[in-house]
Amino acid sequence: MEYQAVIMAAGRGSRMTDLTHDRPKCLLPICNRPMIWFSLKMLENAGFEDVIVVIHEQFRAEVAAIPSKYGLNIKLDIACLPKNEDFGTADSLRLVKDRIKTDVLVISCDLVCDIPLHNVFDLHRTHQSSVTALFSQSSPEVMSTAVPGPKTKFKQERDLVGLDLQTPRLVFLVSEADLTSENEEELSIRKSVMKHFPQISVQGNLLDAHLYVIKKWVCDYIAENRSFTMLKGEVLPHLVRKQFIKTQRKKNEKELPNADVSVVSLNTTNRDICSFLVDVEEEEKIRSYSVWNDHRGDLRGPYQDHNIRCFAYVAKEGFCLRANSLSNYCELNRQVIKRWNTMFPDEEITPPVSKAQVGTDCLIGETSQLSDKCSIKHSVIGQGCNIGEKVRITNCIIMDNVTIMKETTLQGSILMDNSVIENSCDLKDCIVGHTVHSNCKSTNEVLVDADRLLEI
């Protein structure tokens, strides 16, 4: 294979702890499939035959069973983190460094996307990019999604992404959260950037999909520099800045260490990034024999004579969203239902036989039982659920083995596995994880057993 794939699936879901207190984020259901299934399906559709999956050790068996359970042919090479250890994405990539032999596609387990991956690979391959990142347009629907649970002011993450107007070069990247209150109204760009790229489009409406194609030498660089913890917050901005440093070596510099320094005292850790560019320099020497250039307006060579190059593929069409927050998780369930037949035409879903009023944009688990007099709209019902008479469900996510008794109304809520809602309850925008007794009326509440809450 020209590329290897790595799925980062060890995240704990810190922004949705009400849902992840008893399971990892990668196993949360989206349209009755575990979240990681969507990443595996996308890779299989792109032609990958195997993938490295980084997870916590205690969930190994559940993740390993997913391909056979859902009819996937892709093989999982599982790398386990120690129990209760928190690793960043760069740490996780460092963990599997010995398994990486080629350029690598790194993808987050919470990504649901129907953008053809070959477009990203083509961009990476054409320009011999050091790292190529996928961005998508932000959706106003996600920004306005109602979130169950207590009302809180959640601010969507926003990045300021600078792209060259002539090429898809990624020349500037900063998180809005990193801008201090003093300069948040102004954006400073270094002279070295403007010198090489005088025309830059800075956009604040692009979402980083956390899908990166990374050169093998960059993986080696990350593995050796243990100061890196996160790919998105540390490695990618670092590489974007490093594009503008002088990376040309003096002849034979790497073969001639200082003869006056003892071999014992030589510092072999944290080598400079230039020392990883040996193979890249050979590629650039070959390119110098061509008259091709990627830009015009100056006399500099292709790619501004930069050996380190970062590119961005901005998807203008297609669906791309991450379940990295509770609002995004709810919206993903709603949007994937609408797009299921076009995104997964080979994954036919057979609804249970029932005379209940079920909307066209609903998904019902095959083993669930619905009474004839219930109404379900814009909702997902998991497997093994029992819905009683005169129950009304709207904009809800109901997981497996949930019982809802008669004359209950649910709106905008999430019901976790094995929840029980007794007769005549009225719940709006709630998260439920236990038994709710009859005649209960709640709005924007988290109804979960105290011993199931995450301790912080």
Protein backbone atom coordinates (compact mmCIF):
# COMPACT_ATOMS: atom_id res chain seq x y z
CA MET A 1 0.00 0.00 0.00
CA GLU A 2 1.15 3.52 -0.80
CA TYR A 3 -0.41 4.76 2.43
CA GLN A 4 -1.16 3.32 5.84
CA ALA A 5 -4.13 4.43 7.95
CA VAL A 6 -4.32 5.16 11.68
CA ILE A 7 -7.57 5.83 13.55
CA MET A 8 -7.27 7.77 16.80
CA ALA A 9 -9.96 6.19 19.01
CA ALA A 10 -8.65 6.70 22.53
CA GLY A 11 -10.49 9.95 23.22
CA ARG A 12 -12.66 10.02 26.34
CA GLY A 13 -15.22 12.51 25.05
CA SER A 14 -14.48 15.22 27.60
CA ARG A 15 -17.11 17.54 26.07
CA MET A 16 -19.90 14.98 26.44
CA THR A 17 -19.15 13.31 29.76
CA ASP A 18 -22.83 12.65 30.45
CA LEU A 19 -22.72 10.13 27.60
CA THR A 20 -19.21 8.73 28.00
CA HIS A 21 -19.11 7.86 31.70
CA ASP A 22 -19.39 4.13 30.95
CA ARG A 23 -18.03 3.80 27.42
CA PRO A 24 -15.41 5.43 25.17
CA LYS A 25 -16.49 8.01 22.65
CA CYS A 26 -15.60 5.71 19.74
CA LEU A 27 -18.39 3.32 20.80
CA LEU A 28 -21.16 5.90 21.17
CA PRO A 29 -23.93 5.07 18.67
CA ILE A 30 -24.61 7.21 15.63
CA CYS A 31 -27.67 5.93 13.76
CA ASN A 32 -27.35 2.57 15.53
CA ARG A 33 -23.73 2.09 14.49
CA PRO A 34 -20.75 2.59 16.81
CA MET A 35 -19.06 5.87 16.01
CA ILE A 36 -15.82 4.26 14.83
CA TRP A 37 -17.78 2.23 12.24
CA PHE A 38 -18.04 5.33 10.04
CA SER A 39 -14.26 5.78 9.93
CA LEU A 40 -13.74 2.08 9.19
CA LYS A 41 -16.40 2.16 6.46
CA MET A 42 -14.85 5.23 4.84
CA LEU A 43 -11.40 3.62 4.79
CA GLU A 44 -12.74 0.37 3.38
CA ASN A 45 -14.59 2.26 0.64
CA ALA A 46 -11.32 4.07 -0.17
CA GLY A 47 -9.53 0.72 -0.71
CA PHE A 48 -7.72 0.21 2.59
CA GLU A 49 -7.42 -3.44 3.57
CA ASP A 50 -6.13 -2.85 7.10
CA VAL A 51 -5.88 -0.04 9.61
CA ILE A 52 -4.05 0.68 12.87
CA VAL A 53 -6.52 1.57 15.63
CA VAL A 54 -5.33 3.23 18.86
CA ILE A 55 -7.69 2.54 21.77
CA HIS A 56 -7.64 1.96 25.51
CA GLU A 57 -6.84 -1.58 26.54
CA GLN A 58 -10.14 -2.31 28.33
CA PHE A 59 -12.16 -1.72 25.12
CA ARG A 60 -10.04 -3.84 22.82
CA ALA A 61 -12.49 -6.76 22.53
CA GLU A 62 -15.49 -4.53 21.72
CA VAL A 63 -13.65 -2.63 18.99
CA ALA A 64 -12.08 -5.79 17.54
CA ALA A 65 -15.54 -7.33 17.08
CA ILE A 66 -16.96 -4.45 15.02
CA PRO A 67 -15.83 -5.58 11.51
CA SER A 68 -17.33 -9.06 11.82
CA LYS A 69 -20.49 -7.76 13.53
CA TYR A 70 -21.26 -5.24 10.78
CA GLY A 71 -19.91 -7.10 7.74
CA LEU A 72 -16.71 -5.09 7.16
CA ASN A 73 -13.70 -6.72 5.51
CA ILE A 74 -11.06 -4.30 6.78
CA LYS A 75 -8.56 -5.81 9.25
CA LEU A 76 -7.77 -4.07 12.52
CA ASP A 77 -4.24 -3.80 13.90
CA ILE A 78 -5.07 -2.66 17.42
CA ALA A 79 -2.58 -0.70 19.53
CA CYS A 80 -3.62 -0.36 23.16
CA LEU A 81 -2.97 2.44 25.60
CA PRO A 82 -2.57 1.51 29.26
CA LYS A 83 -5.77 1.71 31.28
CA ASN A 84 -6.57 5.19 32.62
CA GLU A 85 -3.67 6.76 30.68
CA ASP A 86 -4.39 9.92 28.67
CA PHE A 87 -2.46 10.19 25.42
CA GLY A 88 -2.67 13.03 22.93
CA THR A 89 -2.87 12.30 19.21
CA ALA A 90 0.86 12.95 18.74
CA ASP A 91 1.58 10.64 21.68
CA SER A 92 -0.61 7.96 20.10
CA LEU A 93 1.20 8.29 16.77
CA ARG A 94 4.48 7.94 18.62
CA LEU A 95 3.15 4.74 20.20
CA VAL A 96 2.74 3.07 16.79
CA LYS A 97 5.88 4.49 15.15
CA ASP A 98 7.41 1.05 14.60
CA ARG A 99 4.33 -0.06 12.64
CA ILE A 100 4.48 2.89 10.22
CA LYS A 101 6.46 2.12 7.08
CA THR A 102 5.01 4.61 4.57
CA ASP A 103 3.19 7.93 4.44
CA VAL A 104 0.21 7.70 6.76
CA LEU A 105 -3.41 8.84 6.86
CA VAL A 106 -4.38 9.85 10.40
CA ILE A 107 -8.09 10.15 11.10
CA SER A 108 -10.17 10.82 14.19
CA CYS A 109 -12.77 8.21 15.15
CA ASP A 110 -15.47 10.88 15.49
CA LEU A 111 -15.41 11.94 11.83
CA VAL A 112 -18.36 11.20 9.55
CA CYS A 113 -17.55 12.19 6.00
CA ASP A 114 -18.53 11.31 2.43
CA ILE A 115 -15.81 13.36 0.74
CA PRO A 116 -13.75 11.10 -1.61
CA LEU A 117 -10.40 10.48 0.03
CA HIS A 118 -8.61 10.15 -3.30
CA ASN A 119 -8.96 13.93 -3.74
CA VAL A 120 -6.90 14.49 -0.60
CA PHE A 121 -4.35 11.85 -1.61
CA ASP A 122 -4.02 13.33 -5.10
CA LEU A 123 -3.21 16.76 -3.66
CA HIS A 124 -0.69 15.25 -1.24
CA ARG A 125 0.96 13.14 -3.93
CA THR A 126 1.07 15.83 -6.61
CA HIS A 127 2.89 18.37 -4.46
CA GLN A 128 4.86 15.92 -2.27
CA SER A 129 3.32 17.66 0.70
CA SER A 130 4.80 17.23 4.17
CA VAL A 131 1.28 17.22 5.60
CA THR A 132 -2.08 17.66 3.90
CA ALA A 133 -5.12 18.54 6.00
CA LEU A 134 -8.82 18.26 5.15
CA PHE A 135 -11.04 21.26 5.85
CA SER A 136 -14.76 21.67 5.26
CA GLN A 137 -17.18 24.56 5.30
CA SER A 138 -18.91 25.15 8.65
CA SER A 139 -22.64 24.46 8.73
CA PRO A 140 -25.11 27.01 10.16
CA GLU A 141 -27.38 24.08 11.08
CA VAL A 142 -24.85 22.84 13.62
CA MET A 143 -24.47 26.28 15.18
CA SER A 144 -28.23 26.46 15.86
CA THR A 145 -28.72 22.89 17.13
CA ALA A 146 -30.49 22.62 20.50
CA VAL A 147 -28.48 20.63 23.03
CA PRO A 148 -30.09 18.41 25.70
CA GLY A 149 -29.11 18.87 29.31
CA PRO A 150 -28.55 22.08 31.30
CA LYS A 151 -28.42 25.26 29.24
CA THR A 152 -24.82 26.33 28.82
CA LYS A 153 -23.08 28.79 26.56
CA PHE A 154 -21.02 26.59 24.28
CA LYS A 155 -18.69 28.38 21.91
CA GLN A 156 -17.87 26.46 18.77
CA GLU A 157 -14.14 26.08 18.11
CA ARG A 158 -12.90 28.33 15.34
CA ASP A 159 -9.62 28.36 13.48
CA LEU A 160 -8.17 31.15 11.38
CA VAL A 161 -6.85 29.42 8.28
CA GLY A 162 -4.57 31.27 5.84
CA LEU A 163 -4.45 29.89 2.29
CA ASP A 164 -2.37 31.10 -0.65
CA LEU A 165 -4.63 32.42 -3.41
CA GLN A 166 -2.55 30.85 -6.20
CA THR A 167 -2.08 27.39 -4.70
CA PRO A 168 -3.69 25.30 -1.93
CA ARG A 169 -0.73 26.03 0.35
CA LEU A 170 -1.57 26.25 4.04
CA VAL A 171 0.57 29.21 5.12
CA PHE A 172 -1.08 30.35 8.33
CA LEU A 173 -2.99 28.53 11.08
CA VAL A 174 -4.02 29.71 14.51
CA SER A 175 -6.85 28.83 16.85
CA GLU A 176 -9.11 31.71 17.83
CA ALA A 177 -8.68 30.60 21.45
CA ASP A 178 -4.94 31.34 21.19
CA LEU A 179 -5.56 35.00 20.43
CA THR A 180 -5.33 37.11 23.58
CA SER A 181 -8.00 39.62 24.50
CA GLU A 182 -5.59 42.44 23.64
CA ASN A 183 -5.13 41.48 19.99
CA GLU A 184 -8.28 39.49 19.18
CA GLU A 185 -9.44 42.29 16.88
CA GLU A 186 -6.15 42.25 14.96
CA LEU A 187 -4.32 39.43 13.21
CA SER A 188 -0.55 39.55 12.89
CA ILE A 189 1.16 37.66 10.06
CA ARG A 190 4.94 37.46 9.91
CA LYS A 191 6.84 39.31 7.20
CA SER A 192 8.49 36.05 6.06
CA VAL A 193 5.03 34.71 5.20
CA MET A 194 3.92 37.81 3.33
CA LYS A 195 7.23 37.94 1.46
CA HIS A 196 6.59 34.55 -0.14
CA PHE A 197 2.78 34.72 -0.25
CA PRO A 198 1.64 38.33 -0.68
CA GLN A 199 -1.94 37.29 -1.44
CA ILE A 200 -3.46 35.25 1.39
CA SER A 201 -7.08 34.42 2.09
CA VAL A 202 -7.67 34.15 5.85
CA GLN A 203 -10.89 32.26 6.56
CA GLY A 204 -12.65 31.71 9.85
CA ASN A 205 -15.47 29.48 8.64
CA LEU A 206 -13.45 26.34 7.91
CA LEU A 207 -13.64 23.26 10.12
CA ASP A 208 -10.57 21.11 10.60
CA ALA A 209 -11.78 17.55 9.97
CA HIS A 210 -8.82 16.08 11.90
CA LEU A 211 -7.91 14.07 8.81
CA TYR A 212 -4.25 14.40 7.89
CA VAL A 213 -2.00 12.76 5.31
CA ILE A 214 1.49 12.85 6.80
CA LYS A 215 4.87 12.09 5.25
CA LYS A 216 6.89 9.28 6.80
CA TRP A 217 9.74 11.63 7.73
CA VAL A 218 7.27 13.82 9.66
CA CYS A 219 6.15 10.75 11.64
CA ASP A 220 9.82 10.08 12.49
CA TYR A 221 10.22 13.70 13.55
CA ILE A 222 7.16 13.49 15.83
CA ALA A 223 8.36 10.20 17.30
CA GLU A 224 11.68 11.69 18.32
CA ASN A 225 10.37 15.01 19.66
CA ARG A 226 8.42 14.04 22.77
CA SER A 227 7.47 17.63 23.49
CA PHE A 228 4.63 17.21 20.98
CA THR A 229 1.36 16.00 22.48
CA MET A 230 -1.36 16.95 19.96
CA LEU A 231 -1.32 16.87 16.16
CA LYS A 232 -3.90 19.62 15.67
CA GLY A 233 -2.83 22.06 18.36
CA GLU A 234 0.95 21.60 18.23
CA VAL A 235 2.38 19.62 15.32
CA LEU A 236 0.38 21.14 12.47
CA PRO A 237 0.93 24.82 13.49
CA HIS A 238 4.61 23.99 14.07
CA LEU A 239 5.04 22.57 10.55
CA VAL A 240 3.16 25.50 9.02
CA ARG A 241 5.63 27.89 10.66
CA LYS A 242 8.65 25.75 9.73
CA GLN A 243 7.83 26.08 6.02
CA PHE A 244 9.60 29.43 6.00
CA ILE A 245 12.92 28.45 7.60
CA LYS A 246 16.04 27.82 5.56
CA THR A 247 16.39 24.05 5.28
CA GLN A 248 19.34 23.80 2.89
CA ARG A 249 22.27 21.96 4.41
CA LYS A 250 25.87 22.74 3.83
CA LYS A 251 27.61 20.02 1.92
CA ASN A 252 28.49 16.98 4.05
CA GLU A 253 27.31 18.77 7.20
CA LYS A 254 25.53 15.71 8.53
CA GLU A 255 28.54 13.44 8.05
CA LEU A 256 31.04 15.64 9.93
CA PRO A 257 30.33 16.00 13.66
CA ASN A 258 32.59 18.18 15.77
CA ALA A 259 35.79 16.19 16.25
CA ASP A 260 36.54 17.99 19.53
CA VAL A 261 33.33 16.78 21.21
CA SER A 262 33.31 13.46 23.03
CA VAL A 263 31.05 10.82 21.50
CA VAL A 264 29.57 10.22 24.95
CA SER A 265 28.48 13.83 25.29
CA LEU A 266 26.81 14.14 21.88
CA ASN A 267 23.14 15.04 22.22
CA THR A 268 21.18 12.70 19.96
CA THR A 269 17.71 13.69 21.16
CA ASN A 270 15.40 16.27 19.61
CA ARG A 271 17.28 16.60 16.34
CA ASP A 272 16.52 19.64 14.27
CA ILE A 273 13.81 19.18 11.66
CA CYS A 274 16.36 19.73 8.88
CA SER A 275 18.08 16.45 9.74
CA PHE A 276 14.93 14.55 8.71
CA LEU A 277 14.89 16.08 5.21
CA VAL A 278 17.61 14.00 3.54
CA ASP A 279 15.26 12.15 1.19
CA VAL A 280 13.27 15.33 0.53
CA GLU A 281 16.39 17.14 -0.67
CA GLU A 282 17.01 14.38 -3.22
CA GLU A 283 13.45 14.79 -4.54
CA GLU A 284 13.93 18.54 -4.84
CA LYS A 285 17.17 18.02 -6.80
CA ILE A 286 15.26 15.94 -9.35
CA ARG A 287 12.52 18.57 -9.55
CA SER A 288 15.10 21.27 -10.29
CA TYR A 289 15.68 19.76 -13.76
CA SER A 290 12.10 20.64 -14.72
CA VAL A 291 10.87 24.06 -15.86
CA TRP A 292 7.54 23.55 -14.06
CA ASN A 293 6.60 26.03 -11.37
CA ASP A 294 3.58 26.18 -9.06
CA HIS A 295 3.39 29.98 -8.98
CA ARG A 296 4.21 33.09 -11.00
CA GLY A 297 5.29 36.64 -10.26
CA ASP A 298 8.85 36.07 -9.02
CA LEU A 299 12.03 34.20 -9.90
CA ARG A 300 11.95 31.73 -7.05
CA GLY A 301 11.78 28.03 -7.81
CA PRO A 302 8.84 25.68 -7.37
CA TYR A 303 7.13 25.92 -3.97
CA GLN A 304 9.15 29.05 -3.15
CA ASP A 305 12.20 26.74 -2.71
CA HIS A 306 10.58 25.31 0.44
CA ASN A 307 11.37 21.71 1.35
CA ILE A 308 8.70 21.67 4.06
CA ARG A 309 5.26 22.18 2.54
CA CYS A 310 1.79 22.11 4.06
CA PHE A 311 -1.33 21.91 1.94
CA ALA A 312 -5.05 22.13 2.65
CA TYR A 313 -7.82 20.39 0.77
CA VAL A 314 -10.97 22.47 1.26
CA ALA A 315 -14.09 20.45 0.48
CA LYS A 316 -16.66 22.68 -1.19
CA GLU A 317 -19.24 19.89 -1.51
CA GLY A 318 -20.15 16.78 0.42
CA PHE A 319 -20.85 16.11 4.08
CA CYS A 320 -18.17 16.38 6.75
CA LEU A 321 -18.75 16.75 10.49
CA ARG A 322 -17.08 15.60 13.71
CA ALA A 323 -18.89 14.41 16.84
CA ASN A 324 -16.53 16.37 19.04
CA SER A 325 -19.28 18.02 21.11
CA LEU A 326 -22.76 17.17 22.32
CA SER A 327 -24.37 19.51 19.78
CA ASN A 328 -22.39 17.97 16.91
CA TYR A 329 -23.26 14.48 18.13
CA CYS A 330 -26.98 15.26 18.05
CA GLU A 331 -26.74 16.94 14.67
CA LEU A 332 -24.77 14.02 13.21
CA ASN A 333 -27.56 11.62 14.09
CA ARG A 334 -30.09 13.85 12.37
CA GLN A 335 -28.02 14.52 9.26
CA VAL A 336 -26.81 10.95 8.69
CA ILE A 337 -30.42 9.67 8.73
CA LYS A 338 -31.25 12.04 5.87
CA ARG A 339 -28.17 11.01 3.90
CA TRP A 340 -28.05 7.30 4.74
CA ASN A 341 -29.16 5.94 1.36
CA THR A 342 -26.71 8.13 -0.57
CA MET A 343 -23.77 7.73 1.81
CA PHE A 344 -24.21 3.99 2.38
CA PRO A 345 -26.23 2.52 -0.50
CA ASP A 346 -24.92 -0.97 0.29
CA GLU A 347 -26.08 -0.80 3.92
CA GLU A 348 -29.78 -1.52 3.71
CA ILE A 349 -31.81 -1.01 6.89
CA THR A 350 -34.96 -3.05 7.44
CA PRO A 351 -37.40 -1.32 9.84
CA PRO A 352 -39.61 -3.46 12.10
CA VAL A 353 -43.15 -4.19 10.99
CA SER A 354 -45.51 -1.80 12.79
CA LYS A 355 -48.58 0.37 12.29
CA ALA A 356 -47.02 3.17 14.34
CA GLN A 357 -46.68 6.65 12.83
CA VAL A 358 -42.99 6.81 11.91
CA GLY A 359 -41.53 9.73 9.94
CA THR A 360 -39.39 9.15 6.87
CA ASP A 361 -36.34 10.65 8.57
CA CYS A 362 -36.39 8.16 11.45
CA LEU A 363 -34.28 5.07 12.06
CA ILE A 364 -35.73 2.17 14.06
CA GLY A 365 -33.73 -0.81 15.32
CA GLU A 366 -34.87 -4.09 13.77
CA THR A 367 -35.47 -5.78 17.15
CA SER A 368 -37.45 -2.91 18.68
CA GLN A 369 -41.20 -3.13 19.26
CA LEU A 370 -43.52 -0.19 18.62
CA SER A 371 -47.15 -0.01 19.70
CA ASP A 372 -49.65 0.83 16.97
CA LYS A 373 -50.66 4.12 18.54
CA CYS A 374 -47.24 5.76 19.06
CA SER A 375 -45.74 8.60 16.98
CA ILE A 376 -42.06 8.99 16.13
CA LYS A 377 -40.54 11.94 14.23
CA HIS A 378 -36.93 12.94 13.44
CA SER A 379 -35.54 10.33 15.85
CA VAL A 380 -33.25 7.31 16.15
CA ILE A 381 -34.47 4.24 18.08
CA GLY A 382 -31.87 1.62 19.00
CA GLN A 383 -32.12 -2.17 19.20
CA GLY A 384 -34.33 -4.01 21.68
CA CYS A 385 -36.47 -1.01 22.64
CA ASN A 386 -40.12 -1.22 23.70
CA ILE A 387 -42.31 1.82 22.91
CA GLY A 388 -45.76 1.89 24.55
CA GLU A 389 -49.12 3.25 23.42
CA LYS A 390 -49.73 6.97 22.88
CA VAL A 391 -46.03 7.73 23.17
CA ARG A 392 -44.81 10.76 21.21
CA ILE A 393 -41.12 11.01 20.37
CA THR A 394 -39.61 13.97 18.49
CA ASN A 395 -35.94 14.81 17.79
CA CYS A 396 -34.65 12.14 20.18
CA ILE A 397 -31.74 9.71 20.26
CA ILE A 398 -32.78 6.52 22.02
CA MET A 399 -30.08 3.91 22.53
CA ASP A 400 -30.47 0.13 23.04
CA ASN A 401 -32.88 -1.74 25.33
CA VAL A 402 -34.88 1.31 26.39
CA THR A 403 -38.44 0.99 27.67
CA ILE A 404 -40.90 3.86 27.27
CA MET A 405 -44.32 3.29 28.82
CA LYS A 406 -47.64 4.65 27.63
CA GLU A 407 -48.75 8.28 27.30
CA THR A 408 -45.20 9.67 27.52
CA THR A 409 -43.93 12.63 25.50
CA LEU A 410 -40.22 13.00 24.68
CA GLN A 411 -38.70 15.90 22.80
CA GLY A 412 -35.05 16.70 22.01
CA SER A 413 -33.74 14.16 24.53
CA ILE A 414 -31.11 11.41 24.68
CA LEU A 415 -31.98 8.14 26.41
CA MET A 416 -29.00 5.91 27.18
CA ASP A 417 -28.90 2.11 27.24
CA ASN A 418 -31.38 0.33 29.55
CA SER A 419 -33.23 3.50 30.54
CA VAL A 420 -36.87 3.17 31.64
CA ILE A 421 -39.47 5.93 31.28
CA GLU A 422 -42.64 5.12 33.18
CA ASN A 423 -46.21 6.21 32.37
CA SER A 424 -47.28 9.76 31.54
CA CYS A 425 -43.88 11.46 31.66
CA ASP A 426 -43.06 14.67 29.80
CA LEU A 427 -39.34 15.22 29.11
CA LYS A 428 -37.85 17.98 26.97
CA ASP A 429 -34.14 18.40 26.17
CA CYS A 430 -33.08 15.90 28.85
CA ILE A 431 -30.35 13.26 29.10
CA VAL A 432 -31.65 10.11 30.77
CA GLY A 433 -29.60 7.22 32.13
CA HIS A 434 -31.83 5.49 34.67
CA THR A 435 -35.50 4.93 35.57
CA VAL A 436 -37.77 7.97 35.41
CA HIS A 437 -40.90 7.44 37.49
CA SER A 438 -44.47 8.11 36.39
CA ASN A 439 -45.80 11.64 35.85
CA CYS A 440 -42.33 13.19 35.85
CA LYS A 441 -41.97 16.50 34.01
CA SER A 442 -38.45 17.77 33.32
CA THR A 443 -36.76 20.24 31.00
CA ASN A 444 -33.00 20.61 30.40
CA GLU A 445 -32.10 18.05 33.09
CA VAL A 446 -29.50 15.30 33.33
CA LEU A 447 -31.33 12.34 34.89
CA VAL A 448 -28.47 9.95 35.56
CA ASP A 449 -27.66 7.86 38.62
CA ALA A 450 -25.17 9.67 40.85
CA ASP A 451 -22.73 6.75 40.86
CA ARG A 452 -22.56 6.89 37.03
CA LEU A 453 -21.44 10.49 36.86
CA LEU A 454 -17.83 11.18 35.93
CA GLU A 455 -15.72 12.39 38.83
CA ILE A 456 -13.50 15.37 38.00
